[in-house]
Protein backbone atom coordinates (compact mmCIF):
# COMPACT_ATOMS: atom_id res chain seq x y z
CA UNK A 1 -41.72 -22.28 5.97
CA UNK A 2 -38.81 -19.88 5.84
CA UNK A 3 -37.62 -17.54 3.48
CA UNK A 4 -35.43 -18.09 0.85
CA UNK A 5 -33.78 -14.94 1.41
CA UNK A 6 -32.89 -16.39 5.11
CA UNK A 7 -32.10 -19.02 3.18
CA UNK A 8 -29.41 -18.47 0.69
CA UNK A 9 -27.15 -15.97 3.11
CA UNK A 10 -24.16 -15.01 0.53
CA UNK A 11 -20.80 -15.01 2.36
CA UNK A 12 -18.56 -12.69 0.32
CA UNK A 13 -15.69 -14.00 1.81
CA UNK A 14 -16.40 -16.96 0.59
CA UNK A 15 -16.89 -16.18 -3.27
CA UNK A 16 -13.87 -14.77 -4.98
CA UNK A 17 -13.65 -11.40 -5.07
CA UNK A 18 -13.79 -11.11 -8.85
CA UNK A 19 -15.83 -12.20 -11.35
CA UNK A 20 -13.72 -15.12 -12.77
CA UNK A 21 -15.28 -16.40 -15.83
CA UNK A 22 -14.38 -12.87 -17.46
CA UNK A 23 -10.98 -12.24 -18.82
CA UNK A 24 -10.91 -9.17 -16.81
CA UNK A 25 -11.15 -10.76 -14.05
CA UNK A 26 -8.64 -13.85 -13.83
CA UNK A 27 -6.26 -10.85 -14.68
CA UNK A 28 -7.03 -9.57 -11.89
CA UNK A 29 -7.26 -11.83 -9.23
CA UNK A 30 -3.51 -12.74 -10.67
CA UNK A 31 -2.25 -9.36 -10.68
CA UNK A 32 -3.85 -9.27 -6.41
CA UNK A 33 -1.78 -12.81 -6.43
CA UNK A 34 1.47 -11.33 -7.07
CA UNK A 35 1.02 -8.06 -5.71
CA UNK A 36 4.93 -7.21 -3.90
CA UNK A 37 3.50 -5.49 -1.09
CA UNK A 38 2.44 -8.69 0.53
CA UNK A 39 5.84 -9.67 0.77
CA UNK A 40 5.57 -7.12 3.56
CA UNK A 41 1.65 -6.47 4.37
CA UNK A 42 2.54 -4.61 7.94
CA UNK A 43 4.64 -2.35 5.94
CA UNK A 44 2.05 -1.39 2.87
CA UNK A 45 -1.67 -2.74 4.39
CA UNK A 46 -0.72 -1.65 8.24
CA UNK A 47 -2.08 -5.14 8.27
CA UNK A 48 1.01 -7.79 9.82
CA UNK A 49 -0.08 -11.23 9.21
CA UNK A 50 -1.67 -11.25 13.57
CA UNK A 51 -4.59 -8.89 12.79
CA UNK A 52 -5.58 -10.19 9.02
CA UNK A 53 -5.67 -14.08 10.85
CA UNK A 54 -7.00 -12.39 14.27
CA UNK A 55 -10.31 -10.80 11.86
CA UNK A 56 -10.60 -13.27 9.88
CA UNK A 57 -11.18 -15.39 12.83
CA UNK A 58 -13.82 -12.91 14.37
CA UNK A 59 -14.94 -12.84 10.39
CA UNK A 60 -15.56 -16.68 10.43
CA UNK A 61 -16.83 -16.97 13.51
CA UNK A 62 -19.82 -14.27 13.12
CA UNK A 63 -19.88 -12.64 9.88
CA UNK A 64 -22.38 -10.13 10.63
CA UNK A 65 -20.91 -8.81 13.18
CA UNK A 66 -17.80 -8.72 11.64
CA UNK A 67 -19.27 -6.31 8.31
CA UNK A 68 -20.34 -4.20 11.12
CA UNK A 69 -16.93 -4.22 13.15
CA UNK A 70 -15.10 -3.44 9.92
CA UNK A 71 -15.92 -2.38 6.05
CA UNK A 72 -15.36 -5.11 2.93
CA UNK A 73 -12.26 -3.51 1.93
CA UNK A 74 -10.13 -4.43 5.19
CA UNK A 75 -12.23 -7.86 4.64
CA UNK A 76 -10.38 -8.49 1.83
CA UNK A 77 -7.04 -6.84 2.75
CA UNK A 78 -7.43 -9.23 4.94
CA UNK A 79 -8.14 -12.63 2.74
CA UNK A 80 -5.22 -11.47 0.80
CA UNK A 81 -2.74 -10.97 3.34
CA UNK A 82 -3.54 -14.41 5.35
CA UNK A 83 -4.02 -16.07 1.21
CA UNK A 84 -0.63 -14.25 1.06
CA UNK A 85 1.53 -16.13 3.47
CA UNK A 86 -0.37 -19.18 5.08
CA UNK A 87 -0.39 -22.17 2.38
CA UNK A 88 -4.14 -23.26 2.54
CA UNK A 89 -3.51 -27.16 2.95
CA UNK A 90 -0.67 -27.18 6.68
CA UNK A 91 -1.60 -24.18 7.48
CA UNK A 92 2.16 -22.75 8.07
CA UNK A 93 3.17 -20.03 6.71
CA UNK A 94 4.94 -19.74 3.38
CA UNK A 95 8.06 -17.90 3.17
CA UNK A 96 8.82 -15.41 0.71
CA UNK A 97 11.36 -16.80 -1.79
CA UNK A 98 8.51 -18.92 -2.27
CA UNK A 99 5.46 -17.44 -2.03
CA UNK A 100 3.96 -16.19 -5.54
CA UNK A 101 4.68 -12.61 -4.83
CA UNK A 102 8.01 -13.44 -4.41
CA UNK A 103 8.63 -14.54 -7.74
CA UNK A 104 9.82 -11.66 -9.47
CA UNK A 105 12.05 -9.90 -6.46
CA UNK A 106 13.84 -12.81 -5.16
CA UNK A 107 14.30 -14.69 -8.89
CA UNK A 108 15.54 -11.75 -10.28
CA UNK A 109 18.84 -11.37 -8.95
CA UNK A 110 19.83 -15.11 -9.50
CA UNK A 111 18.21 -14.77 -13.41
CA UNK A 112 21.25 -11.54 -13.98
CA UNK A 113 23.78 -13.40 -12.15
CA UNK A 114 23.22 -16.27 -14.07
CA UNK A 115 23.38 -14.45 -17.52
CA UNK A 116 26.27 -11.58 -16.21
CA UNK A 117 28.62 -15.74 -15.21
CA UNK A 118 27.74 -16.88 -18.80
CA UNK A 119 29.43 -13.47 -20.34
């Protein structure tokens, strides 16, 4: 008979990073989704989408080896970069103006232009 610890191995990246049952956890998740640094992850995180994709594929093939090779912060950053750029259903890259993080930086000039044009 197998022990309970070997039957239920927790996959940290399969779960939410922040507790979604609390208000603060939901705010932290939303602020991470809206992080404008994910528009240029190679510059801000030193992790372009290719590197993030490679790290996550290594993790998916062998989670224990990936956890020994990379620290958890690197794994979470790779997941953040990947999820911010790749559409979950189609697997295609989302153009920067249409990402959640691009809403304010790309939308602000349009709103300002509309306000100025009306005056």
